């Protein structure tokens, strides 16, 4: 991030590191099930002692920690060495395309969708990623270009979904056209504020209040 003025990053990059502003109006969020961030588990949640996860995915890991802590559960998190091992593990946090692949393949795990779990807990959206702007290195022109890119993407979403090479058209429509949301509006800001509140309650890492820039 030190060599670029703006990047779409995991929300915890902004919350755990100073020096960024967040572009108002744009996010990667969900208002319920997200389908690509979930805990696959064979054990009941209350009996889980160990969860394997991609430790590089700090937002997903911290979201899962918060959701479990709100239930009084504090399992141990272990690194997931290889996504191909996921089906052999008792309890594993999966994200992104490897998670979608797992979900669509035969498996004997229960699925706890973290977007759905967050919405059930808070009745709010969850923000997974946002545009981080290097403080002192962005201006109105850059911000306008990023906002215009969002509007252009939404205007062409049907074409993007139709031409995207991954998965089948029905899934792409449901995922890109429904499960994933692209706004950072008042509801998303309230969800982000709640996440910050619970991170402070259940975590031990200093949180940086995001500064929004229009």
C-alpha atoms as a PDB file:
ATOM      1  CA  UNK A   1       0.000   0.000   0.000  1.00  0.00           C
ATOM      2  CA  UNK A   2       2.904   2.387   0.494  1.00  0.00           C
ATOM      3  CA  UNK A   3       3.440   2.665  -3.286  1.00  0.00           C
ATOM      4  CA  UNK A   4      -0.175   3.111  -4.398  1.00  0.00           C
ATOM      5  CA  UNK A   5      -2.673   5.853  -3.687  1.00  0.00           C
ATOM      6  CA  UNK A   6      -5.784   3.657  -3.614  1.00  0.00           C
ATOM      7  CA  UNK A   7      -6.603  -0.033  -3.368  1.00  0.00           C
ATOM      8  CA  UNK A   8      -9.628  -2.185  -2.703  1.00  0.00           C
ATOM      9  CA  UNK A   9      -8.602  -3.954   0.507  1.00  0.00           C
ATOM     10  CA  UNK A  10      -9.975  -6.132   3.272  1.00  0.00           C
ATOM     11  CA  UNK A  11     -11.711  -3.932   5.824  1.00  0.00           C
ATOM     12  CA  UNK A  12      -9.363  -5.039   8.604  1.00  0.00           C
ATOM     13  CA  UNK A  13      -6.433  -3.529   6.689  1.00  0.00           C
ATOM     14  CA  UNK A  14      -8.042  -0.170   7.344  1.00  0.00           C
ATOM     15  CA  UNK A  15      -9.134  -0.939  10.901  1.00  0.00           C
ATOM     16  CA  UNK A  16      -5.749  -2.260  12.038  1.00  0.00           C
ATOM     17  CA  UNK A  17      -3.441   0.222  10.274  1.00  0.00           C
ATOM     18  CA  UNK A  18      -3.377   4.010  10.380  1.00  0.00           C
ATOM     19  CA  UNK A  19      -2.782   6.253   7.371  1.00  0.00           C
ATOM     20  CA  UNK A  20      -5.816   5.389   5.249  1.00  0.00           C
ATOM     21  CA  UNK A  21      -9.056   7.120   4.421  1.00  0.00           C
ATOM     22  CA  UNK A  22     -12.021   5.085   3.179  1.00  0.00           C
ATOM     23  CA  UNK A  23     -13.897   6.065   0.036  1.00  0.00           C
ATOM     24  CA  UNK A  24     -17.495   6.749   0.961  1.00  0.00           C
ATOM     25  CA  UNK A  25     -20.181   5.008  -1.066  1.00  0.00           C
ATOM     26  CA  UNK A  26     -18.317   1.878  -2.254  1.00  0.00           C
ATOM     27  CA  UNK A  27     -17.815  -1.461  -0.520  1.00  0.00           C
ATOM     28  CA  UNK A  28     -17.965  -5.199  -0.908  1.00  0.00           C
ATOM     29  CA  UNK A  29     -20.710  -6.188   1.512  1.00  0.00           C
ATOM     30  CA  UNK A  30     -23.563  -8.592   2.141  1.00  0.00           C
ATOM     31  CA  UNK A  31     -27.015  -8.181   3.683  1.00  0.00           C
ATOM     32  CA  UNK A  32     -27.329 -11.805   4.730  1.00  0.00           C
ATOM     33  CA  UNK A  33     -25.811 -14.965   3.242  1.00  0.00           C
ATOM     34  CA  UNK A  34     -22.632 -14.250   1.291  1.00  0.00           C
ATOM     35  CA  UNK A  35     -21.943 -17.829   0.085  1.00  0.00           C
ATOM     36  CA  UNK A  36     -18.157 -17.357  -0.069  1.00  0.00           C
ATOM     37  CA  UNK A  37     -17.254 -16.872   3.617  1.00  0.00           C
ATOM     38  CA  UNK A  38     -18.317 -19.701   5.896  1.00  0.00           C
ATOM     39  CA  UNK A  39     -17.372 -22.198   8.559  1.00  0.00           C
ATOM     40  CA  UNK A  40     -17.647 -25.787   7.379  1.00  0.00           C
ATOM     41  CA  UNK A  41     -17.965 -27.891  10.519  1.00  0.00           C
ATOM     42  CA  UNK A  42     -18.645 -31.473  11.486  1.00  0.00           C
ATOM     43  CA  UNK A  43     -18.875 -30.736  15.201  1.00  0.00           C
ATOM     44  CA  UNK A  44     -21.648 -28.658  16.777  1.00  0.00           C
ATOM     45  CA  UNK A  45     -20.520 -25.058  17.202  1.00  0.00           C
ATOM     46  CA  UNK A  46     -20.581 -25.359  20.991  1.00  0.00           C
ATOM     47  CA  UNK A  47     -18.205 -28.346  20.899  1.00  0.00           C
ATOM     48  CA  UNK A  48     -15.608 -26.929  18.507  1.00  0.00           C
ATOM     49  CA  UNK A  49     -12.150 -26.567  20.005  1.00  0.00           C
ATOM     50  CA  UNK A  50     -10.052 -26.082  16.845  1.00  0.00           C
ATOM     51  CA  UNK A  51     -10.751 -24.353  13.546  1.00  0.00           C
ATOM     52  CA  UNK A  52      -8.391 -24.399  10.581  1.00  0.00           C
ATOM     53  CA  UNK A  53      -8.290 -21.227   8.503  1.00  0.00           C
ATOM     54  CA  UNK A  54      -6.311 -19.167   6.045  1.00  0.00           C
ATOM     55  CA  UNK A  55      -4.637 -16.855   8.552  1.00  0.00           C
ATOM     56  CA  UNK A  56      -4.040 -14.276   5.793  1.00  0.00           C
ATOM     57  CA  UNK A  57      -7.792 -13.659   5.686  1.00  0.00           C
ATOM     58  CA  UNK A  58      -7.916 -11.384   8.723  1.00  0.00           C
ATOM     59  CA  UNK A  59     -11.403 -10.032   8.089  1.00  0.00           C
ATOM     60  CA  UNK A  60     -12.977 -13.488   7.863  1.00  0.00           C
ATOM     61  CA  UNK A  61     -11.001 -14.794  10.833  1.00  0.00           C
ATOM     62  CA  UNK A  62     -11.947 -11.816  12.990  1.00  0.00           C
ATOM     63  CA  UNK A  63     -15.574 -11.981  11.913  1.00  0.00           C
ATOM     64  CA  UNK A  64     -15.687 -15.645  12.917  1.00  0.00           C
ATOM     65  CA  UNK A  65     -13.954 -14.881  16.232  1.00  0.00           C
ATOM     66  CA  UNK A  66     -16.533 -12.198  17.009  1.00  0.00           C
ATOM     67  CA  UNK A  67     -19.503 -14.376  16.050  1.00  0.00           C
ATOM     68  CA  UNK A  68     -18.251 -17.230  18.213  1.00  0.00           C
ATOM     69  CA  UNK A  69     -17.299 -14.951  21.108  1.00  0.00           C
ATOM     70  CA  UNK A  70     -20.824 -13.566  21.125  1.00  0.00           C
ATOM     71  CA  UNK A  71     -21.886 -17.170  21.834  1.00  0.00           C
ATOM     72  CA  UNK A  72     -19.297 -17.499  24.579  1.00  0.00           C
ATOM     73  CA  UNK A  73     -17.056 -19.698  22.410  1.00  0.00           C
ATOM     74  CA  UNK A  74     -13.291 -19.220  22.106  1.00  0.00           C
ATOM     75  CA  UNK A  75     -11.789 -22.026  19.982  1.00  0.00           C
ATOM     76  CA  UNK A  76      -8.188 -22.229  18.810  1.00  0.00           C
ATOM     77  CA  UNK A  77      -7.416 -21.165  15.237  1.00  0.00           C
ATOM     78  CA  UNK A  78      -4.833 -23.173  13.296  1.00  0.00           C
ATOM     79  CA  UNK A  79      -3.325 -22.371   9.869  1.00  0.00           C
ATOM     80  CA  UNK A  80      -4.824 -24.130   6.864  1.00  0.00           C
ATOM     81  CA  UNK A  81      -1.809 -25.345   4.933  1.00  0.00           C
ATOM     82  CA  UNK A  82      -3.666 -26.262   1.757  1.00  0.00           C
ATOM     83  CA  UNK A  83      -7.257 -25.680   0.681  1.00  0.00           C
ATOM     84  CA  UNK A  84      -7.260 -29.150  -0.866  1.00  0.00           C
ATOM     85  CA  UNK A  85      -7.173 -30.566   2.680  1.00  0.00           C
ATOM     86  CA  UNK A  86     -10.401 -28.846   3.687  1.00  0.00           C
ATOM     87  CA  UNK A  87     -12.720 -31.823   3.200  1.00  0.00           C
ATOM     88  CA  UNK A  88     -10.592 -33.930   5.563  1.00  0.00           C
ATOM     89  CA  UNK A  89     -10.743 -31.406   8.410  1.00  0.00           C
ATOM     90  CA  UNK A  90     -13.387 -31.340  11.095  1.00  0.00           C
ATOM     91  CA  UNK A  91     -13.858 -27.575  11.183  1.00  0.00           C
ATOM     92  CA  UNK A  92     -12.501 -25.168   8.584  1.00  0.00           C
ATOM     93  CA  UNK A  93     -13.061 -21.526   7.650  1.00  0.00           C
ATOM     94  CA  UNK A  94     -13.238 -21.172   3.865  1.00  0.00           C
ATOM     95  CA  UNK A  95     -13.425 -18.061   1.704  1.00  0.00           C
ATOM     96  CA  UNK A  96     -13.495 -16.982  -1.932  1.00  0.00           C
ATOM     97  CA  UNK A  97     -13.449 -19.343  -4.898  1.00  0.00           C
ATOM     98  CA  UNK A  98     -12.021 -22.271  -2.874  1.00  0.00           C
ATOM     99  CA  UNK A  99     -14.963 -21.836  -0.507  1.00  0.00           C
ATOM    100  CA  UNK A 100     -17.471 -21.708  -3.353  1.00  0.00           C
ATOM    101  CA  UNK A 101     -15.878 -24.821  -4.886  1.00  0.00           C
ATOM    102  CA  UNK A 102     -16.193 -26.619  -1.545  1.00  0.00           C
ATOM    103  CA  UNK A 103     -19.808 -25.560  -1.149  1.00  0.00           C
ATOM    104  CA  UNK A 104     -20.763 -26.793  -4.606  1.00  0.00           C
ATOM    105  CA  UNK A 105     -18.974 -30.149  -4.235  1.00  0.00           C
ATOM    106  CA  UNK A 106     -20.180 -33.151  -2.216  1.00  0.00           C
ATOM    107  CA  UNK A 107     -19.303 -32.797   1.482  1.00  0.00           C
ATOM    108  CA  UNK A 108     -20.569 -33.921   4.871  1.00  0.00           C
ATOM    109  CA  UNK A 109     -20.002 -30.673   6.756  1.00  0.00           C
ATOM    110  CA  UNK A 110     -22.628 -28.326   8.137  1.00  0.00           C
ATOM    111  CA  UNK A 111     -22.237 -24.810   6.706  1.00  0.00           C
ATOM    112  CA  UNK A 112     -22.348 -21.686   8.873  1.00  0.00           C
ATOM    113  CA  UNK A 113     -22.479 -18.756   6.470  1.00  0.00           C
ATOM    114  CA  UNK A 114     -20.830 -15.826   8.252  1.00  0.00           C
ATOM    115  CA  UNK A 115     -22.783 -13.192   6.350  1.00  0.00           C
ATOM    116  CA  UNK A 116     -26.040 -14.822   7.441  1.00  0.00           C
ATOM    117  CA  UNK A 117     -24.771 -15.272  11.007  1.00  0.00           C
ATOM    118  CA  UNK A 118     -23.762 -11.597  11.218  1.00  0.00           C
ATOM    119  CA  UNK A 119     -27.142 -10.455   9.919  1.00  0.00           C
ATOM    120  CA  UNK A 120     -28.947 -12.715  12.387  1.00  0.00           C
ATOM    121  CA  UNK A 121     -26.855 -11.282  15.242  1.00  0.00           C
ATOM    122  CA  UNK A 122     -27.045  -7.594  14.321  1.00  0.00           C
ATOM    123  CA  UNK A 123     -29.762  -7.158  11.661  1.00  0.00           C
ATOM    124  CA  UNK A 124     -27.089  -5.187   9.766  1.00  0.00           C
ATOM    125  CA  UNK A 125     -24.975  -5.681   6.625  1.00  0.00           C
ATOM    126  CA  UNK A 126     -21.359  -6.767   6.905  1.00  0.00           C
ATOM    127  CA  UNK A 127     -18.607  -4.905   5.048  1.00  0.00           C
ATOM    128  CA  UNK A 128     -15.790  -7.184   3.835  1.00  0.00           C
ATOM    129  CA  UNK A 129     -13.745  -4.726   1.783  1.00  0.00           C
ATOM    130  CA  UNK A 130     -13.541  -1.041   0.875  1.00  0.00           C
ATOM    131  CA  UNK A 131     -11.437   1.385  -1.117  1.00  0.00           C
ATOM    132  CA  UNK A 132      -8.497   2.473   1.056  1.00  0.00           C
ATOM    133  CA  UNK A 133      -7.037   5.840   0.062  1.00  0.00           C
ATOM    134  CA  UNK A 134      -3.544   6.736   1.209  1.00  0.00           C
ATOM    135  CA  UNK A 135      -4.020   9.783   3.394  1.00  0.00           C
ATOM    136  CA  UNK A 136      -2.546  12.877   1.805  1.00  0.00           C
ATOM    137  CA  UNK A 137      -2.234  11.192  -1.601  1.00  0.00           C
ATOM    138  CA  UNK A 138      -5.779  11.341  -2.984  1.00  0.00           C
ATOM    139  CA  UNK A 139      -7.888  14.124  -4.344  1.00  0.00           C
ATOM    140  CA  UNK A 140     -11.407  14.752  -5.618  1.00  0.00           C
ATOM    141  CA  UNK A 141     -10.493  13.652  -9.150  1.00  0.00           C
ATOM    142  CA  UNK A 142      -9.261  10.234  -7.985  1.00  0.00           C
ATOM    143  CA  UNK A 143     -12.273   9.726  -5.761  1.00  0.00           C
ATOM    144  CA  UNK A 144     -14.600  10.701  -8.604  1.00  0.00           C
ATOM    145  CA  UNK A 145     -12.933   8.161 -10.918  1.00  0.00           C
ATOM    146  CA  UNK A 146     -13.411   5.368  -8.378  1.00  0.00           C
ATOM    147  CA  UNK A 147     -17.062   6.274  -7.808  1.00  0.00           C
ATOM    148  CA  UNK A 148     -17.600   6.435 -11.575  1.00  0.00           C
ATOM    149  CA  UNK A 149     -16.024   2.992 -11.951  1.00  0.00           C
ATOM    150  CA  UNK A 150     -18.542   1.616  -9.438  1.00  0.00           C
ATOM    151  CA  UNK A 151     -21.472   3.168 -11.291  1.00  0.00           C
ATOM    152  CA  UNK A 152     -20.160   1.854 -14.604  1.00  0.00           C
ATOM    153  CA  UNK A 153     -19.799  -1.617 -13.129  1.00  0.00           C
ATOM    154  CA  UNK A 154     -23.344  -1.584 -11.778  1.00  0.00           C
ATOM    155  CA  UNK A 155     -24.681  -0.305 -15.098  1.00  0.00           C
ATOM    156  CA  UNK A 156     -22.977  -3.214 -16.864  1.00  0.00           C
ATOM    157  CA  UNK A 157     -23.522  -5.828 -14.153  1.00  0.00           C
ATOM    158  CA  UNK A 158     -25.792  -7.967 -16.304  1.00  0.00           C
ATOM    159  CA  UNK A 159     -23.150  -8.153 -19.026  1.00  0.00           C
ATOM    160  CA  UNK A 160     -20.390  -8.845 -16.495  1.00  0.00           C
ATOM    161  CA  UNK A 161     -22.434 -11.694 -15.021  1.00  0.00           C
ATOM    162  CA  UNK A 162     -23.208 -13.100 -18.475  1.00  0.00           C
ATOM    163  CA  UNK A 163     -19.573 -13.020 -19.618  1.00  0.00           C
ATOM    164  CA  UNK A 164     -17.831 -14.038 -16.380  1.00  0.00           C
ATOM    165  CA  UNK A 165     -16.087 -17.385 -16.942  1.00  0.00           C
ATOM    166  CA  UNK A 166     -16.501 -18.883 -13.460  1.00  0.00           C
ATOM    167  CA  UNK A 167     -19.369 -21.209 -12.522  1.00  0.00           C
ATOM    168  CA  UNK A 168     -22.789 -21.368 -14.137  1.00  0.00           C
ATOM    169  CA  UNK A 169     -24.950 -18.390 -15.073  1.00  0.00           C
ATOM    170  CA  UNK A 170     -27.553 -19.063 -12.384  1.00  0.00           C
ATOM    171  CA  UNK A 171     -24.952 -19.061  -9.618  1.00  0.00           C
ATOM    172  CA  UNK A 172     -23.208 -15.972 -10.996  1.00  0.00           C
ATOM    173  CA  UNK A 173     -26.522 -14.109 -11.050  1.00  0.00           C
ATOM    174  CA  UNK A 174     -27.347 -15.103  -7.476  1.00  0.00           C
ATOM    175  CA  UNK A 175     -23.851 -14.352  -6.186  1.00  0.00           C
ATOM    176  CA  UNK A 176     -22.753 -11.233  -8.071  1.00  0.00           C
ATOM    177  CA  UNK A 177     -26.272  -9.904  -8.523  1.00  0.00           C
ATOM    178  CA  UNK A 178     -27.654 -10.601  -5.058  1.00  0.00           C
ATOM    179  CA  UNK A 179     -25.428 -11.959  -2.308  1.00  0.00           C
ATOM    180  CA  UNK A 180     -22.680  -9.396  -2.941  1.00  0.00           C
ATOM    181  CA  UNK A 181     -23.631  -5.737  -2.452  1.00  0.00           C
ATOM    182  CA  UNK A 182     -21.540  -2.794  -3.573  1.00  0.00           C
ATOM    183  CA  UNK A 183     -22.694   0.191  -1.525  1.00  0.00           C
ATOM    184  CA  UNK A 184     -21.222   1.821   1.552  1.00  0.00           C
ATOM    185  CA  UNK A 185     -24.378   3.566   2.699  1.00  0.00           C
ATOM    186  CA  UNK A 186     -25.856   4.257   6.110  1.00  0.00           C
ATOM    187  CA  UNK A 187     -26.769   0.629   6.805  1.00  0.00           C
ATOM    188  CA  UNK A 188     -23.288  -0.595   5.842  1.00  0.00           C
ATOM    189  CA  UNK A 189     -21.682   2.107   8.003  1.00  0.00           C
ATOM    190  CA  UNK A 190     -23.833   0.982  10.928  1.00  0.00           C
ATOM    191  CA  UNK A 191     -22.699  -2.600  10.311  1.00  0.00           C
ATOM    192  CA  UNK A 192     -19.079  -1.490  10.219  1.00  0.00           C
ATOM    193  CA  UNK A 193     -19.507   0.473  13.451  1.00  0.00           C
ATOM    194  CA  UNK A 194     -20.989  -2.623  15.113  1.00  0.00           C
ATOM    195  CA  UNK A 195     -18.066  -4.742  13.907  1.00  0.00           C
ATOM    196  CA  UNK A 196     -15.637  -2.209  15.393  1.00  0.00           C
ATOM    197  CA  UNK A 197     -17.570  -2.291  18.682  1.00  0.00           C
ATOM    198  CA  UNK A 198     -17.415  -6.085  18.877  1.00  0.00           C
ATOM    199  CA  UNK A 199     -13.766  -6.231  17.800  1.00  0.00           C
ATOM    200  CA  UNK A 200     -12.929  -3.924  20.691  1.00  0.00           C
ATOM    201  CA  UNK A 201     -15.021  -6.012  23.053  1.00  0.00           C
ATOM    202  CA  UNK A 202     -13.608  -9.392  22.092  1.00  0.00           C
ATOM    203  CA  UNK A 203     -10.151  -8.582  20.667  1.00  0.00           C
ATOM    204  CA  UNK A 204      -6.870  -7.229  21.937  1.00  0.00           C
ATOM    205  CA  UNK A 205      -5.661  -5.259  18.904  1.00  0.00           C
ATOM    206  CA  UNK A 206      -6.052  -1.465  18.668  1.00  0.00           C
ATOM    207  CA  UNK A 207      -8.726  -0.394  16.183  1.00  0.00           C
ATOM    208  CA  UNK A 208      -8.401   2.663  13.975  1.00  0.00           C
ATOM    209  CA  UNK A 209     -11.679   4.503  13.409  1.00  0.00           C
ATOM    210  CA  UNK A 210     -12.070   4.767   9.615  1.00  0.00           C
ATOM    211  CA  UNK A 211     -12.148   8.257   8.160  1.00  0.00           C
ATOM    212  CA  UNK A 212     -14.621   8.475   5.272  1.00  0.00           C
ATOM    213  CA  UNK A 213     -13.855  10.580   2.229  1.00  0.00           C
ATOM    214  CA  UNK A 214     -16.391  11.501  -0.441  1.00  0.00           C
END
